[in-house]
Amino acid sequence: MEKGLRITEVAVANHAVVLRLNNGSVFAEPLDGIHALSDATPKQLQQCEVFAGGVGIAWPKLDVHLSLKGFLTNMVRNELIRRLTVEPKPGARGHGKVRRGVEA
């Protein structure tokens, strides 16, 4: 088997898909960020499993399969969008300032 990150456990809890990896890391992605599961019932969401030696997760009855790489990519993309669309708090680092180089 190829070495690298693998999913060891998957669960749906608190409106999120939660993955535990073989390095001990735990990642959670809100269900509303996973469009393929948007019409699933709570019972259907619980029927998930790890497949392909830990490189993906599946909901067989829904015919939904997500790779670990795709899951992590989606999670990072959603976090970047969230960060870019949230207004910075007044006084936060960089608030209201644009830097275009170093002044002498």
C-alpha atoms as a PDB file:
ATOM      1  CA  MET A   1       0.000   0.000   0.000  1.00  0.00           C
ATOM      2  CA  GLU A   2       1.198   3.489  -0.833  1.00  0.00           C
ATOM      3  CA  LYS A   3       2.371   5.539   2.133  1.00  0.00           C
ATOM      4  CA  GLY A   4       0.839   8.883   3.041  1.00  0.00           C
ATOM      5  CA  LEU A   5      -2.172  10.352   4.727  1.00  0.00           C
ATOM      6  CA  ARG A   6      -5.137   8.039   5.094  1.00  0.00           C
ATOM      7  CA  ILE A   7      -8.551   8.343   6.699  1.00  0.00           C
ATOM      8  CA  THR A   8      -8.937   6.003   9.665  1.00  0.00           C
ATOM      9  CA  GLU A   9     -12.401   7.118  10.839  1.00  0.00           C
ATOM     10  CA  VAL A  10     -15.316   9.121   9.474  1.00  0.00           C
ATOM     11  CA  ALA A  11     -18.419  10.367  11.255  1.00  0.00           C
ATOM     12  CA  VAL A  12     -21.145  12.946  10.823  1.00  0.00           C
ATOM     13  CA  ALA A  13     -21.640  14.987  13.993  1.00  0.00           C
ATOM     14  CA  ASN A  14     -22.766  18.510  14.867  1.00  0.00           C
ATOM     15  CA  HIS A  15     -23.720  19.264  11.238  1.00  0.00           C
ATOM     16  CA  ALA A  16     -20.228  18.400   9.971  1.00  0.00           C
ATOM     17  CA  VAL A  17     -18.300  15.549   8.382  1.00  0.00           C
ATOM     18  CA  VAL A  18     -15.443  14.670  10.732  1.00  0.00           C
ATOM     19  CA  LEU A  19     -12.360  12.778   9.577  1.00  0.00           C
ATOM     20  CA  ARG A  20      -9.569  11.299  11.685  1.00  0.00           C
ATOM     21  CA  LEU A  21      -6.353  10.650   9.772  1.00  0.00           C
ATOM     22  CA  ASN A  22      -3.589   8.128  10.355  1.00  0.00           C
ATOM     23  CA  ASN A  23      -1.315  10.886  11.685  1.00  0.00           C
ATOM     24  CA  GLY A  24      -3.837  11.709  14.438  1.00  0.00           C
ATOM     25  CA  SER A  25      -5.171  14.887  12.813  1.00  0.00           C
ATOM     26  CA  VAL A  26      -8.902  15.524  12.956  1.00  0.00           C
ATOM     27  CA  PHE A  27     -10.669  17.659  10.357  1.00  0.00           C
ATOM     28  CA  ALA A  28     -14.290  18.744  10.229  1.00  0.00           C
ATOM     29  CA  GLU A  29     -16.137  20.343   7.330  1.00  0.00           C
ATOM     30  CA  PRO A  30     -19.648  21.756   7.805  1.00  0.00           C
ATOM     31  CA  LEU A  31     -22.245  19.837   5.829  1.00  0.00           C
ATOM     32  CA  ASP A  32     -23.392  22.997   4.087  1.00  0.00           C
ATOM     33  CA  GLY A  33     -19.945  23.138   2.450  1.00  0.00           C
ATOM     34  CA  ILE A  34     -20.404  19.705   0.835  1.00  0.00           C
ATOM     35  CA  HIS A  35     -22.918  20.212  -1.954  1.00  0.00           C
ATOM     36  CA  ALA A  36     -23.204  16.523  -2.833  1.00  0.00           C
ATOM     37  CA  LEU A  37     -24.809  15.893   0.570  1.00  0.00           C
ATOM     38  CA  SER A  38     -27.208  18.839   0.579  1.00  0.00           C
ATOM     39  CA  ASP A  39     -30.353  16.722   0.035  1.00  0.00           C
ATOM     40  CA  ALA A  40     -29.413  13.857   2.368  1.00  0.00           C
ATOM     41  CA  THR A  41     -31.509  13.028   5.411  1.00  0.00           C
ATOM     42  CA  PRO A  42     -29.888  12.747   8.865  1.00  0.00           C
ATOM     43  CA  LYS A  43     -30.231   8.946   8.680  1.00  0.00           C
ATOM     44  CA  GLN A  44     -28.554   8.843   5.249  1.00  0.00           C
ATOM     45  CA  LEU A  45     -25.709  11.055   6.465  1.00  0.00           C
ATOM     46  CA  GLN A  46     -24.879   8.574   9.227  1.00  0.00           C
ATOM     47  CA  GLN A  47     -24.395   5.780   6.679  1.00  0.00           C
ATOM     48  CA  CYS A  48     -20.862   6.782   5.692  1.00  0.00           C
ATOM     49  CA  GLU A  49     -17.733   4.679   5.491  1.00  0.00           C
ATOM     50  CA  VAL A  50     -14.038   4.820   4.697  1.00  0.00           C
ATOM     51  CA  PHE A  51     -13.128   3.178   1.384  1.00  0.00           C
ATOM     52  CA  ALA A  52     -10.158   2.405  -0.870  1.00  0.00           C
ATOM     53  CA  GLY A  53      -7.735   1.863   1.993  1.00  0.00           C
ATOM     54  CA  GLY A  54      -8.457   5.251   3.540  1.00  0.00           C
ATOM     55  CA  VAL A  55      -8.122   7.504   0.505  1.00  0.00           C
ATOM     56  CA  GLY A  56     -11.822   8.350   0.448  1.00  0.00           C
ATOM     57  CA  ILE A  57     -15.169   8.363   2.203  1.00  0.00           C
ATOM     58  CA  ALA A  58     -18.466   7.177   0.800  1.00  0.00           C
ATOM     59  CA  TRP A  59     -22.201   7.233   1.297  1.00  0.00           C
ATOM     60  CA  PRO A  60     -23.017   4.148  -0.826  1.00  0.00           C
ATOM     61  CA  LYS A  61     -26.816   4.514  -0.704  1.00  0.00           C
ATOM     62  CA  LEU A  62     -26.481   8.118  -1.905  1.00  0.00           C
ATOM     63  CA  ASP A  63     -23.826   7.201  -4.500  1.00  0.00           C
ATOM     64  CA  VAL A  64     -21.567   9.924  -3.060  1.00  0.00           C
ATOM     65  CA  HIS A  65     -17.816   9.340  -2.908  1.00  0.00           C
ATOM     66  CA  LEU A  66     -15.288  11.940  -1.754  1.00  0.00           C
ATOM     67  CA  SER A  67     -11.526  11.586  -1.918  1.00  0.00           C
ATOM     68  CA  LEU A  68      -9.356  12.726   0.980  1.00  0.00           C
ATOM     69  CA  LYS A  69      -7.563  15.097  -1.384  1.00  0.00           C
ATOM     70  CA  GLY A  70     -10.865  16.578  -2.587  1.00  0.00           C
ATOM     71  CA  PHE A  71     -12.204  16.848   0.966  1.00  0.00           C
ATOM     72  CA  LEU A  72      -9.126  18.750   2.179  1.00  0.00           C
ATOM     73  CA  THR A  73      -9.054  20.948  -0.941  1.00  0.00           C
ATOM     74  CA  ASN A  74     -12.733  21.827  -0.474  1.00  0.00           C
ATOM     75  CA  MET A  75     -12.161  22.550   3.214  1.00  0.00           C
ATOM     76  CA  VAL A  76      -9.247  24.910   2.496  1.00  0.00           C
ATOM     77  CA  ARG A  77     -11.166  26.657  -0.311  1.00  0.00           C
ATOM     78  CA  ASN A  78     -14.198  27.210   1.932  1.00  0.00           C
ATOM     79  CA  GLU A  79     -12.000  28.591   4.722  1.00  0.00           C
ATOM     80  CA  LEU A  80     -10.281  31.013   2.328  1.00  0.00           C
ATOM     81  CA  ILE A  81     -13.627  32.227   1.024  1.00  0.00           C
ATOM     82  CA  ARG A  82     -14.864  32.675   4.589  1.00  0.00           C
ATOM     83  CA  ARG A  83     -11.767  34.678   5.530  1.00  0.00           C
ATOM     84  CA  LEU A  84     -11.930  36.853   2.438  1.00  0.00           C
ATOM     85  CA  THR A  85     -15.609  37.682   2.849  1.00  0.00           C
ATOM     86  CA  VAL A  86     -15.561  38.515   6.561  1.00  0.00           C
ATOM     87  CA  GLU A  87     -15.125  42.201   7.348  1.00  0.00           C
ATOM     88  CA  PRO A  88     -12.000  42.795   9.440  1.00  0.00           C
ATOM     89  CA  LYS A  89     -12.586  44.160  12.909  1.00  0.00           C
ATOM     90  CA  PRO A  90     -11.556  47.793  13.465  1.00  0.00           C
ATOM     91  CA  GLY A  91      -8.068  47.895  14.878  1.00  0.00           C
ATOM     92  CA  ALA A  92      -7.214  44.496  13.423  1.00  0.00           C
ATOM     93  CA  ARG A  93      -3.800  44.161  11.859  1.00  0.00           C
ATOM     94  CA  GLY A  94      -3.833  45.714   8.410  1.00  0.00           C
ATOM     95  CA  HIS A  95      -7.349  47.177   8.786  1.00  0.00           C
ATOM     96  CA  GLY A  96      -7.793  50.093   6.421  1.00  0.00           C
ATOM     97  CA  LYS A  97      -4.205  50.069   5.190  1.00  0.00           C
ATOM     98  CA  VAL A  98      -2.872  49.045   1.835  1.00  0.00           C
ATOM     99  CA  ARG A  99       0.848  48.416   1.550  1.00  0.00           C
ATOM    100  CA  ARG A 100       2.442  48.417  -1.856  1.00  0.00           C
ATOM    101  CA  GLY A 101       6.108  48.134  -1.056  1.00  0.00           C
ATOM    102  CA  VAL A 102       8.691  49.383   1.344  1.00  0.00           C
ATOM    103  CA  GLU A 103       9.278  53.095   1.764  1.00  0.00           C
ATOM    104  CA  ALA A 104      12.801  54.367   2.252  1.00  0.00           C
END
